[in-house]
């Protein structure tokens, strides 16, 4: 795993993958580095005590005439930046001081105790805190680069995503400043290696990354990268990291106030009631009260929620608004009622709230506003997922199989036409084509004197938005032969660092017919949330 950069004064800068060998002689305590026709041995006497960092780096230098070779190696350790138990980073730089300037090469590599292919994890997810170290080279500038970030690995689907921030410090010229980096990769089948792409916002850099896992249980990672920029330069370096508990932040571990963007404002339903609690009109096209919610603010320490069109707007629900009689381990219910307008928020708990499904990154909420008028009342309602969405772009390859639960309600007009909706859903996502397919099995439990209704099994058909954006939509239709006709749609997102979870809101209707021949559609609204299997 190496990359090599060649630079010359005001000449072309190139970067290529290279084969490099590092050998340690225990008798002489020396390191020999070789690549192609280049080779150099570094002895203990070559250690540059003045520039070596006692805790992180050892730097060796050898000079012969106008040529100086330097070798930088990260130290072993169990904590802190650049110090690892099983992987190390190495950087070999050769400079030739010529009359017309400096010509040099820079090789970045990782080495250590690779994870055996046979024991690489095949299940679960892992998150690694990573360090970046390398060199930026352009025809008229050199800069050292350092950075930190996080790499998330899906051992089931084979997807890897990473991101971070860094700083370049000028060695020659004025090329320096803060930058961000990120990319995606895929596990190489049957091995502990991975390959992928990497981008930086420093002069629109784009390139490749190659790496692997180190340690008996893939406790650490090491990778090399080369990134080309639009100013005819390259950044070459290493990413090294160690596994940290969990795969990034979770909803349960949320410790700071957070605003979540919602798609819920695209799916509404409205109910117009007579005062005897009999629905007279049901609509999913437009809300009667213009209920529009695009943001959900969560303060986990204060236990408050705010539902509004944008952050900082809308209704704030506090612990004083909790309705104890309607609050359980699965759902927390808040209500504000001034006698004319009633606002109810039901927040489904994100971790094991339903007793069967453990969600780490996804929650869902049920928000309802009731306005009382003379002789009737109007209710608007939104069910929406929320949570820690997967960052764009989504995985580009592989298939994700998701399984989860369904929560919602169904209403018809007239008396005795209310149902509580529960059920299950399974769906597959082809990340290369964006196609989504699956089934949703709703169970409608009658409320009050409503009669039983067999909803059958619904087919899920949809796709990911263009350019791998984190947004999915599609249609729901009746799949079960002989089942009641159904027409509906859904809209949702992926959640978790590497799309470990997915959820969507849905609405639709069963076009029922009364005995007198008139139509009485049963309108359905709900949320499906699942995790990748």
Protein backbone atom coordinates (compact mmCIF):
# COMPACT_ATOMS: atom_id res chain seq x y z
CA UNK A 1 0.00 0.00 0.00
CA UNK A 2 2.11 2.85 -1.26
CA UNK A 3 1.86 6.04 -3.23
CA UNK A 4 4.69 8.05 -4.71
CA UNK A 5 4.84 11.74 -5.64
CA UNK A 6 7.61 13.25 -7.79
CA UNK A 7 8.09 16.99 -7.86
CA UNK A 8 10.49 19.41 -9.58
CA UNK A 9 10.80 23.21 -9.67
CA UNK A 10 8.06 24.55 -11.96
CA UNK A 11 7.87 21.21 -13.69
CA UNK A 12 5.17 18.52 -13.77
CA UNK A 13 4.18 16.77 -10.54
CA UNK A 14 3.21 13.11 -10.85
CA UNK A 15 1.84 10.52 -8.45
CA UNK A 16 1.63 6.78 -8.94
CA UNK A 17 1.05 3.63 -6.96
CA UNK A 18 4.36 1.96 -6.21
CA UNK A 19 5.64 -1.23 -4.66
CA UNK A 20 7.76 -0.52 -1.61
CA UNK A 21 9.56 -2.84 0.79
CA UNK A 22 10.52 -2.09 4.38
CA UNK A 23 12.88 -4.36 6.29
CA UNK A 24 13.97 -4.07 9.92
CA UNK A 25 17.29 -5.55 11.05
CA UNK A 26 17.01 -6.39 14.75
CA UNK A 27 20.77 -6.81 15.05
CA UNK A 28 21.65 -3.30 13.85
CA UNK A 29 18.27 -1.70 14.66
CA UNK A 30 18.21 -0.37 11.12
CA UNK A 31 15.47 0.13 8.54
CA UNK A 32 16.00 -0.52 4.83
CA UNK A 33 13.48 1.03 2.43
CA UNK A 34 13.44 0.19 -1.27
CA UNK A 35 11.23 0.92 -4.26
CA UNK A 36 12.26 0.15 -7.84
CA UNK A 37 15.83 1.36 -8.36
CA UNK A 38 15.82 3.43 -5.16
CA UNK A 39 17.00 2.09 -1.79
CA UNK A 40 18.27 3.47 1.49
CA UNK A 41 19.24 2.13 4.91
CA UNK A 42 18.64 4.21 8.03
CA UNK A 43 20.71 3.51 11.17
CA UNK A 44 20.05 4.56 14.78
CA UNK A 45 22.74 7.20 14.35
CA UNK A 46 20.63 8.78 11.60
CA UNK A 47 17.79 9.61 13.98
CA UNK A 48 17.10 13.34 14.02
CA UNK A 49 16.54 13.92 17.72
CA UNK A 50 15.70 17.58 17.22
CA UNK A 51 12.71 16.93 14.98
CA UNK A 52 11.51 13.51 16.23
CA UNK A 53 8.44 13.60 18.43
CA UNK A 54 9.04 11.34 21.43
CA UNK A 55 5.42 10.18 21.61
CA UNK A 56 4.33 10.10 17.96
CA UNK A 57 7.10 10.12 15.35
CA UNK A 58 10.67 9.02 14.75
CA UNK A 59 12.51 10.86 11.97
CA UNK A 60 15.74 9.65 10.35
CA UNK A 61 17.96 11.60 7.92
CA UNK A 62 20.90 10.66 5.70
CA UNK A 63 22.74 13.05 3.41
CA UNK A 64 25.18 12.19 0.64
CA UNK A 65 26.30 15.15 -1.41
CA UNK A 66 23.25 17.04 -2.67
CA UNK A 67 20.86 14.15 -1.92
CA UNK A 68 19.04 13.89 1.42
CA UNK A 69 16.89 10.93 2.39
CA UNK A 70 14.49 11.21 5.32
CA UNK A 71 12.33 8.51 6.86
CA UNK A 72 9.41 9.28 9.18
CA UNK A 73 7.78 6.41 11.09
CA UNK A 74 4.87 6.61 13.51
CA UNK A 75 5.47 5.10 16.94
CA UNK A 76 3.57 2.26 18.57
CA UNK A 77 0.96 3.05 21.20
CA UNK A 78 -2.56 2.35 22.36
CA UNK A 79 -3.95 5.90 22.51
CA UNK A 80 -3.45 9.27 20.91
CA UNK A 81 -2.90 10.49 17.36
CA UNK A 82 -0.72 8.45 14.98
CA UNK A 83 0.20 5.83 17.62
CA UNK A 84 -1.23 2.35 17.09
CA UNK A 85 -0.67 -1.22 18.24
CA UNK A 86 -0.91 -3.05 14.91
CA UNK A 87 -0.42 -0.51 12.11
CA UNK A 88 2.14 2.20 11.45
CA UNK A 89 2.60 4.89 8.86
CA UNK A 90 5.84 5.48 6.97
CA UNK A 91 7.03 8.38 4.80
CA UNK A 92 10.22 8.28 2.77
CA UNK A 93 11.32 11.53 1.17
CA UNK A 94 14.34 12.04 -1.09
CA UNK A 95 15.40 15.53 -2.17
CA UNK A 96 18.10 16.45 -4.65
CA UNK A 97 19.36 20.03 -4.31
CA UNK A 98 20.20 21.09 -7.85
CA UNK A 99 21.33 24.40 -9.23
CA UNK A 100 17.87 25.06 -10.70
CA UNK A 101 15.93 23.96 -7.61
CA UNK A 102 14.84 20.86 -5.72
CA UNK A 103 13.81 17.58 -7.32
CA UNK A 104 12.33 14.99 -5.03
CA UNK A 105 10.18 11.97 -4.37
CA UNK A 106 7.83 11.23 -1.51
CA UNK A 107 6.54 7.74 -0.70
CA UNK A 108 3.76 7.12 1.81
CA UNK A 109 3.06 3.62 3.05
CA UNK A 110 1.49 1.67 5.89
CA UNK A 111 2.80 -1.55 7.40
CA UNK A 112 2.18 -3.79 10.39
CA UNK A 113 0.25 -6.90 11.45
CA UNK A 114 -2.50 -7.38 8.85
CA UNK A 115 -5.77 -8.97 9.85
CA UNK A 116 -5.89 -12.51 8.38
CA UNK A 117 -8.34 -12.79 5.51
CA UNK A 118 -10.04 -15.72 7.21
CA UNK A 119 -11.03 -13.77 10.32
CA UNK A 120 -12.14 -10.48 8.80
CA UNK A 121 -15.54 -9.59 10.31
CA UNK A 122 -18.43 -10.54 8.03
CA UNK A 123 -21.23 -9.11 10.17
CA UNK A 124 -21.95 -5.81 11.85
CA UNK A 125 -20.55 -2.33 11.57
CA UNK A 126 -17.48 -0.58 12.92
CA UNK A 127 -16.32 3.00 13.28
CA UNK A 128 -12.67 4.10 13.29
CA UNK A 129 -11.16 7.39 14.49
CA UNK A 130 -8.61 8.19 11.77
CA UNK A 131 -5.50 10.35 11.38
CA UNK A 132 -4.28 11.79 8.09
CA UNK A 133 -0.62 12.57 7.39
CA UNK A 134 1.00 13.40 4.06
CA UNK A 135 2.42 15.91 1.62
CA UNK A 136 0.95 18.28 -0.95
CA UNK A 137 3.14 18.93 -3.98
CA UNK A 138 2.67 21.45 -6.80
CA UNK A 139 5.12 22.82 -9.38
CA UNK A 140 5.82 25.87 -7.20
CA UNK A 141 4.86 24.75 -3.68
CA UNK A 142 5.19 22.03 -1.03
CA UNK A 143 3.09 21.64 2.11
CA UNK A 144 2.77 19.06 4.86
CA UNK A 145 -0.78 17.96 5.67
CA UNK A 146 -2.32 16.58 8.84
CA UNK A 147 -5.92 15.84 9.71
CA UNK A 148 -8.42 13.83 11.71
CA UNK A 149 -11.75 12.21 10.92
CA UNK A 150 -13.84 9.08 11.06
CA UNK A 151 -14.22 5.98 8.89
CA UNK A 152 -17.38 3.86 9.08
CA UNK A 153 -17.41 0.28 7.78
CA UNK A 154 -20.39 -1.90 6.93
CA UNK A 155 -18.98 -5.44 7.08
CA UNK A 156 -22.31 -6.87 5.85
CA UNK A 157 -22.76 -4.84 2.68
CA UNK A 158 -19.07 -4.06 2.13
CA UNK A 159 -19.48 -0.27 2.05
CA UNK A 160 -17.05 2.18 3.64
CA UNK A 161 -17.40 5.93 4.04
CA UNK A 162 -14.97 8.35 5.64
CA UNK A 163 -14.63 12.08 6.20
CA UNK A 164 -12.61 14.59 8.18
CA UNK A 165 -10.84 17.93 8.29
CA UNK A 166 -7.20 18.92 8.10
CA UNK A 167 -4.61 21.63 7.80
CA UNK A 168 -1.80 22.12 5.30
CA UNK A 169 1.35 23.95 6.39
CA UNK A 170 3.62 25.46 3.75
CA UNK A 171 7.10 24.00 3.39
CA UNK A 172 7.82 26.01 0.26
CA UNK A 173 5.56 28.57 -1.39
CA UNK A 174 2.29 29.87 0.06
CA UNK A 175 0.08 26.81 -0.42
CA UNK A 176 -1.55 26.32 2.99
CA UNK A 177 -4.88 26.45 4.76
CA UNK A 178 -7.71 24.36 6.24
CA UNK A 179 -9.41 21.68 4.14
CA UNK A 180 -11.96 18.88 4.38
CA UNK A 181 -11.68 15.39 2.96
CA UNK A 182 -13.95 12.41 2.45
CA UNK A 183 -14.72 9.45 0.25
CA UNK A 184 -16.16 5.99 -0.14
CA UNK A 185 -14.65 2.54 -0.64
CA UNK A 186 -15.61 -1.11 -0.99
CA UNK A 187 -14.28 -4.14 0.80
CA UNK A 188 -12.38 -6.45 -1.53
CA UNK A 189 -14.18 -9.80 -1.60
CA UNK A 190 -12.49 -12.50 0.45
CA UNK A 191 -9.70 -10.26 1.75
CA UNK A 192 -9.02 -7.68 4.43
CA UNK A 193 -8.35 -4.98 1.82
CA UNK A 194 -10.43 -2.17 0.37
CA UNK A 195 -10.23 0.32 -2.48
CA UNK A 196 -12.16 3.46 -3.26
CA UNK A 197 -12.16 7.13 -4.08
CA UNK A 198 -11.21 10.22 -2.09
CA UNK A 199 -11.96 13.91 -2.49
CA UNK A 200 -10.77 17.11 -0.84
CA UNK A 201 -12.08 20.66 -1.14
CA UNK A 202 -8.53 21.94 -1.43
CA UNK A 203 -8.33 22.93 -5.11
CA UNK A 204 -11.09 20.40 -5.94
CA UNK A 205 -8.95 17.36 -5.28
CA UNK A 206 -10.06 13.90 -6.44
CA UNK A 207 -8.24 10.58 -6.37
CA UNK A 208 -8.00 7.04 -5.02
CA UNK A 209 -7.43 5.23 -1.74
CA UNK A 210 -6.18 1.69 -1.03
CA UNK A 211 -6.01 0.10 2.39
CA UNK A 212 -6.72 -2.75 4.72
CA UNK A 213 -7.37 -3.86 8.29
CA UNK A 214 -4.74 -4.56 10.93
CA UNK A 215 -4.80 -6.53 14.17
CA UNK A 216 -6.25 -9.96 14.99
CA UNK A 217 -9.81 -8.61 14.95
CA UNK A 218 -9.61 -5.69 12.49
CA UNK A 219 -9.03 -3.32 15.41
CA UNK A 220 -7.13 -0.83 13.23
CA UNK A 221 -6.98 0.37 9.62
CA UNK A 222 -4.20 1.64 7.39
CA UNK A 223 -4.49 3.13 3.91
CA UNK A 224 -2.59 5.25 1.40
CA UNK A 225 -4.08 7.80 -0.95
CA UNK A 226 -3.19 10.03 -3.87
CA UNK A 227 -5.42 12.97 -4.77
CA UNK A 228 -4.95 15.19 -7.84
CA UNK A 229 -5.90 18.87 -7.71
CA UNK A 230 -6.87 21.36 -10.41
CA UNK A 231 -3.58 23.26 -9.94
CA UNK A 232 -1.48 20.40 -11.39
CA UNK A 233 -0.57 19.14 -7.94
CA UNK A 234 -1.04 16.02 -5.84
CA UNK A 235 -1.65 15.19 -2.20
CA UNK A 236 -0.12 11.88 -1.12
CA UNK A 237 -0.35 10.35 2.34
CA UNK A 238 -1.79 7.82 4.75
CA UNK A 239 -4.91 7.27 6.80
CA UNK A 240 -4.45 5.24 9.99
CA UNK A 241 -7.05 4.65 12.65
CA UNK A 242 -8.37 2.55 15.50
CA UNK A 243 -11.82 1.15 16.11
CA UNK A 244 -13.99 3.09 18.56
CA UNK A 245 -17.15 1.89 20.30
CA UNK A 246 -20.29 2.14 18.17
CA UNK A 247 -20.62 3.20 14.53
CA UNK A 248 -20.81 6.91 15.02
CA UNK A 249 -23.33 8.82 17.15
CA UNK A 250 -26.76 7.34 17.83
CA UNK A 251 -30.08 8.90 18.77
CA UNK A 252 -29.90 7.35 22.23
CA UNK A 253 -26.45 8.89 22.78
CA UNK A 254 -27.48 12.32 21.52
CA UNK A 255 -26.19 14.86 24.06
CA UNK A 256 -26.70 18.24 22.38
CA UNK A 257 -29.78 20.03 20.96
CA UNK A 258 -30.24 18.98 17.32
CA UNK A 259 -32.45 20.07 14.42
CA UNK A 260 -33.60 17.23 12.17
CA UNK A 261 -34.75 17.91 8.62
CA UNK A 262 -38.04 16.19 7.76
CA UNK A 263 -39.79 15.06 4.62
CA UNK A 264 -43.06 14.96 6.55
CA UNK A 265 -44.40 18.19 5.04
CA UNK A 266 -44.91 16.32 1.77
CA UNK A 267 -47.35 13.78 3.24
CA UNK A 268 -50.44 15.04 5.11
CA UNK A 269 -53.90 14.00 5.82
CA UNK A 270 -56.84 16.01 7.11
CA UNK A 271 -60.01 14.97 8.89
CA UNK A 272 -63.16 17.08 9.20
CA UNK A 273 -65.34 15.92 12.10
CA UNK A 274 -68.81 16.64 13.34
CA UNK A 275 -68.89 17.16 17.10
CA UNK A 276 -70.20 13.65 17.57
CA UNK A 277 -66.71 12.46 16.53
CA UNK A 278 -67.89 11.19 13.13
CA UNK A 279 -65.46 11.92 10.25
CA UNK A 280 -67.22 13.69 7.40
CA UNK A 281 -64.27 14.36 5.06
CA UNK A 282 -60.87 12.72 4.70
CA UNK A 283 -58.11 14.14 2.49
CA UNK A 284 -54.45 13.35 1.82
CA UNK A 285 -53.94 15.92 -0.92
CA UNK A 286 -53.77 19.13 1.15
CA UNK A 287 -54.04 19.71 4.90
CA UNK A 288 -57.10 21.64 6.00
CA UNK A 289 -55.08 23.72 8.45
CA UNK A 290 -52.07 24.22 6.19
CA UNK A 291 -50.04 22.09 8.60
CA UNK A 292 -46.49 22.16 7.25
CA UNK A 293 -43.58 20.71 9.18
CA UNK A 294 -40.05 20.60 7.80
CA UNK A 295 -37.99 20.56 10.99
CA UNK A 296 -37.99 18.73 14.32
CA UNK A 297 -35.84 20.15 17.12
CA UNK A 298 -34.78 17.71 19.85
CA UNK A 299 -33.12 18.72 23.12
CA UNK A 300 -32.22 15.40 24.79
CA UNK A 301 -31.20 16.95 28.11
CA UNK A 302 -34.23 19.21 28.51
CA UNK A 303 -36.53 16.54 27.00
CA UNK A 304 -38.14 19.10 24.71
CA UNK A 305 -39.27 18.92 21.09
CA UNK A 306 -40.16 21.65 18.61
CA UNK A 307 -42.15 20.99 15.43
CA UNK A 308 -42.01 23.73 12.79
CA UNK A 309 -41.44 24.63 9.17
CA UNK A 310 -37.79 25.52 9.85
CA UNK A 311 -35.39 25.47 12.83
CA UNK A 312 -36.50 27.82 15.59
CA UNK A 313 -40.12 27.99 14.44
CA UNK A 314 -43.27 26.16 15.47
CA UNK A 315 -44.58 24.71 18.72
CA UNK A 316 -42.28 23.82 21.61
CA UNK A 317 -43.31 20.80 23.70
CA UNK A 318 -41.83 20.55 27.20
CA UNK A 319 -42.00 17.92 29.97
CA UNK A 320 -44.98 19.83 31.43
CA UNK A 321 -46.93 18.85 28.29
CA UNK A 322 -46.45 15.08 28.74
CA UNK A 323 -49.68 13.08 28.99
CA UNK A 324 -48.87 10.30 31.52
CA UNK A 325 -51.92 8.21 30.64
CA UNK A 326 -50.79 8.06 26.98
CA UNK A 327 -47.05 7.67 27.59
CA UNK A 328 -45.36 4.27 27.63
CA UNK A 329 -41.90 2.83 27.11
CA UNK A 330 -42.69 2.77 23.39
CA UNK A 331 -44.11 6.25 22.88
CA UNK A 332 -43.96 9.58 24.68
CA UNK A 333 -47.10 11.73 24.22
CA UNK A 334 -47.19 15.53 24.58
CA UNK A 335 -50.29 17.73 24.32
CA UNK A 336 -51.15 21.42 24.43
CA UNK A 337 -54.85 22.44 24.44
CA UNK A 338 -56.24 25.96 24.88
CA UNK A 339 -59.85 24.92 24.35
CA UNK A 340 -59.89 25.95 20.69
CA UNK A 341 -56.76 24.37 19.26
CA UNK A 342 -55.23 21.14 20.49
CA UNK A 343 -51.72 20.04 19.47
CA UNK A 344 -50.53 16.49 20.14
CA UNK A 345 -47.04 15.10 19.52
CA UNK A 346 -46.28 11.41 19.90
CA UNK A 347 -42.57 10.56 19.77
CA UNK A 348 -41.77 6.90 19.27
CA UNK A 349 -38.65 6.01 21.21
CA UNK A 350 -35.69 5.18 18.95
CA UNK A 351 -34.12 2.23 20.77
CA UNK A 352 -36.17 -0.94 21.04
CA UNK A 353 -39.35 1.09 21.45
CA UNK A 354 -41.62 -1.49 19.87
CA UNK A 355 -40.25 -4.45 21.79
CA UNK A 356 -39.00 -6.20 18.64
CA UNK A 357 -36.91 -3.76 16.62
CA UNK A 358 -33.75 -2.07 17.87
CA UNK A 359 -33.11 1.15 15.95
CA UNK A 360 -29.98 3.19 16.57
CA UNK A 361 -30.28 6.11 14.15
CA UNK A 362 -34.00 6.39 13.34
CA UNK A 363 -37.03 7.60 15.24
CA UNK A 364 -40.51 8.64 14.11
CA UNK A 365 -43.08 11.13 15.26
CA UNK A 366 -46.86 11.60 14.98
CA UNK A 367 -47.97 15.25 15.04
CA UNK A 368 -51.65 16.22 15.07
CA UNK A 369 -53.43 19.60 15.31
CA UNK A 370 -57.15 19.85 16.03
CA UNK A 371 -59.09 23.09 15.50
CA UNK A 372 -62.59 23.29 16.99
CA UNK A 373 -65.23 25.31 15.18
CA UNK A 374 -68.98 25.74 15.69
CA UNK A 375 -70.59 22.41 14.90
CA UNK A 376 -67.46 20.64 13.76
CA UNK A 377 -63.70 20.29 14.21
CA UNK A 378 -60.80 19.87 11.82
CA UNK A 379 -57.79 17.65 12.38
CA UNK A 380 -54.52 17.59 10.46
CA UNK A 381 -51.91 14.94 11.03
CA UNK A 382 -48.37 14.11 9.93
CA UNK A 383 -46.42 10.92 10.60
CA UNK A 384 -42.73 11.30 9.79
CA UNK A 385 -39.42 9.56 10.41
CA UNK A 386 -36.48 11.58 11.71
CA UNK A 387 -32.95 10.88 12.80
CA UNK A 388 -29.28 10.79 11.85
CA UNK A 389 -29.47 10.67 8.07
CA UNK A 390 -26.81 9.03 5.92
CA UNK A 391 -24.55 11.61 4.34
CA UNK A 392 -24.61 12.01 0.53
CA UNK A 393 -23.51 10.29 -1.58
CA UNK A 394 -25.06 6.96 -0.71
CA UNK A 395 -23.28 3.63 -1.33
CA UNK A 396 -22.88 3.08 -5.08
CA UNK A 397 -22.72 -0.71 -5.17
CA UNK A 398 -24.24 -3.73 -3.47
CA UNK A 399 -27.72 -4.53 -2.22
CA UNK A 400 -29.26 -3.57 1.10
CA UNK A 401 -32.01 -5.75 2.54
CA UNK A 402 -34.11 -4.00 5.19
CA UNK A 403 -36.73 -5.36 7.60
CA UNK A 404 -38.80 -3.40 10.06
CA UNK A 405 -42.10 -2.37 11.57
CA UNK A 406 -45.07 -0.28 10.44
CA UNK A 407 -47.02 2.19 12.58
CA UNK A 408 -49.99 4.33 11.55
CA UNK A 409 -53.75 4.79 11.36
CA UNK A 410 -56.62 4.44 8.92
CA UNK A 411 -59.89 6.35 8.65
CA UNK A 412 -63.03 6.22 6.59
CA UNK A 413 -65.92 8.68 6.64
CA UNK A 414 -68.94 8.15 8.80
CA UNK A 415 -69.22 6.31 12.09
CA UNK A 416 -67.29 3.18 13.04
CA UNK A 417 -64.50 3.61 10.50
CA UNK A 418 -61.31 4.02 12.54
CA UNK A 419 -58.37 1.65 12.68
CA UNK A 420 -55.02 1.40 14.43
CA UNK A 421 -52.35 0.30 11.95
CA UNK A 422 -49.45 -1.99 12.83
CA UNK A 423 -47.48 -4.44 10.73
CA UNK A 424 -44.15 -5.34 9.16
CA UNK A 425 -42.24 -4.41 6.03
CA UNK A 426 -39.28 -5.80 4.13
CA UNK A 427 -37.57 -4.14 1.18
CA UNK A 428 -34.42 -4.40 -0.90
CA UNK A 429 -32.34 -1.57 -2.33
CA UNK A 430 -30.03 -2.04 -5.32
CA UNK A 431 -27.56 0.79 -4.69
CA UNK A 432 -26.05 0.55 -8.18
CA UNK A 433 -29.35 1.05 -10.06
CA UNK A 434 -31.29 2.75 -7.28
CA UNK A 435 -34.24 0.33 -7.57
CA UNK A 436 -36.32 -0.41 -4.46
CA UNK A 437 -38.76 -3.31 -4.09
CA UNK A 438 -40.45 -5.12 -1.24
CA UNK A 439 -43.65 -5.77 0.66
CA UNK A 440 -45.60 -4.00 3.39
CA UNK A 441 -48.01 -6.09 5.46
CA UNK A 442 -50.42 -3.82 7.34
CA UNK A 443 -52.69 -5.10 10.10
CA UNK A 444 -55.71 -2.85 10.72
CA UNK A 445 -57.12 -3.26 14.22
CA UNK A 446 -60.66 -1.78 14.54
CA UNK A 447 -61.08 1.06 17.03
CA UNK A 448 -64.40 1.12 18.87
CA UNK A 449 -67.21 -0.48 16.85
CA UNK A 450 -65.37 -0.45 13.51
CA UNK A 451 -65.61 -3.71 11.59
CA UNK A 452 -62.63 -5.92 10.77
CA UNK A 453 -60.80 -5.14 7.53
CA UNK A 454 -58.28 -7.37 5.75
CA UNK A 455 -55.74 -5.05 4.11
CA UNK A 456 -53.84 -7.79 2.32
CA UNK A 457 -50.17 -7.33 1.40
CA UNK A 458 -48.90 -4.22 -0.38
CA UNK A 459 -46.10 -4.10 -2.93
CA UNK A 460 -43.32 -1.51 -2.51
CA UNK A 461 -41.88 -0.12 -5.75
CA UNK A 462 -39.59 2.89 -5.87
CA UNK A 463 -36.12 4.28 -6.38
CA UNK A 464 -33.35 6.43 -4.97
CA UNK A 465 -33.24 9.98 -6.26
CA UNK A 466 -30.69 10.79 -8.98
CA UNK A 467 -26.99 11.21 -8.16
CA UNK A 468 -27.21 8.95 -5.11
CA UNK A 469 -29.01 11.61 -3.06
CA UNK A 470 -30.37 10.42 0.25
CA UNK A 471 -34.05 10.47 -0.66
CA UNK A 472 -36.29 7.62 -1.74
CA UNK A 473 -39.81 7.62 -3.09
CA UNK A 474 -42.22 5.35 -4.88
CA UNK A 475 -45.65 3.76 -4.91
CA UNK A 476 -47.58 1.19 -2.91
CA UNK A 477 -50.03 -1.14 -4.64
CA UNK A 478 -51.94 -4.26 -3.68
CA UNK A 479 -49.78 -7.35 -4.13
CA UNK A 480 -51.98 -10.08 -2.70
CA UNK A 481 -54.17 -11.81 -5.28
CA UNK A 482 -57.78 -11.14 -4.47
CA UNK A 483 -56.85 -8.50 -1.90
CA UNK A 484 -58.55 -5.12 -1.78
CA UNK A 485 -57.38 -2.56 -4.30
CA UNK A 486 -54.92 -0.02 -2.92
CA UNK A 487 -53.12 3.03 -4.33
CA UNK A 488 -50.52 4.93 -2.35
CA UNK A 489 -47.08 6.50 -2.27
CA UNK A 490 -44.09 6.76 0.06
CA UNK A 491 -41.21 9.14 0.76
CA UNK A 492 -38.18 8.53 2.97
CA UNK A 493 -34.47 8.43 3.68
CA UNK A 494 -31.55 6.28 4.82
CA UNK A 495 -30.15 6.67 8.32
CA UNK A 496 -26.84 5.82 9.97
CA UNK A 497 -23.23 6.38 8.78
CA UNK A 498 -23.43 3.74 6.05
CA UNK A 499 -27.21 3.41 5.52
CA UNK A 500 -27.68 0.81 8.26
CA UNK A 501 -31.31 1.87 8.60
CA UNK A 502 -34.05 3.27 6.38
CA UNK A 503 -37.52 4.68 6.96
CA UNK A 504 -40.33 6.20 4.94
CA UNK A 505 -43.69 7.85 5.48
CA UNK A 506 -46.55 6.57 3.34
CA UNK A 507 -50.16 7.37 2.53
CA UNK A 508 -52.86 5.89 0.33
CA UNK A 509 -56.41 4.59 0.23
CA UNK A 510 -58.51 1.46 -0.17
CA UNK A 511 -61.47 2.51 -2.44
CA UNK A 512 -64.24 0.81 -0.50
CA UNK A 513 -67.88 0.77 -1.65
CA UNK A 514 -70.88 1.07 0.67
CA UNK A 515 -73.93 -1.21 0.31
CA UNK A 516 -75.79 1.61 -1.44
CA UNK A 517 -73.06 1.80 -4.09
CA UNK A 518 -71.46 5.03 -2.89
CA UNK A 519 -67.72 5.15 -2.29
CA UNK A 520 -66.15 5.30 1.16
CA UNK A 521 -62.36 5.14 0.74
CA UNK A 522 -60.36 3.99 3.74
CA UNK A 523 -57.46 6.41 4.00
CA UNK A 524 -54.17 5.14 5.43
CA UNK A 525 -51.16 7.05 6.74
CA UNK A 526 -48.10 5.63 8.46
CA UNK A 527 -44.36 5.15 8.83
CA UNK A 528 -42.21 2.11 8.05
CA UNK A 529 -38.79 1.93 9.71
CA UNK A 530 -36.28 -0.88 9.35
CA UNK A 531 -32.66 -1.89 9.70
CA UNK A 532 -30.31 -3.55 7.25
CA UNK A 533 -30.07 -7.30 7.65
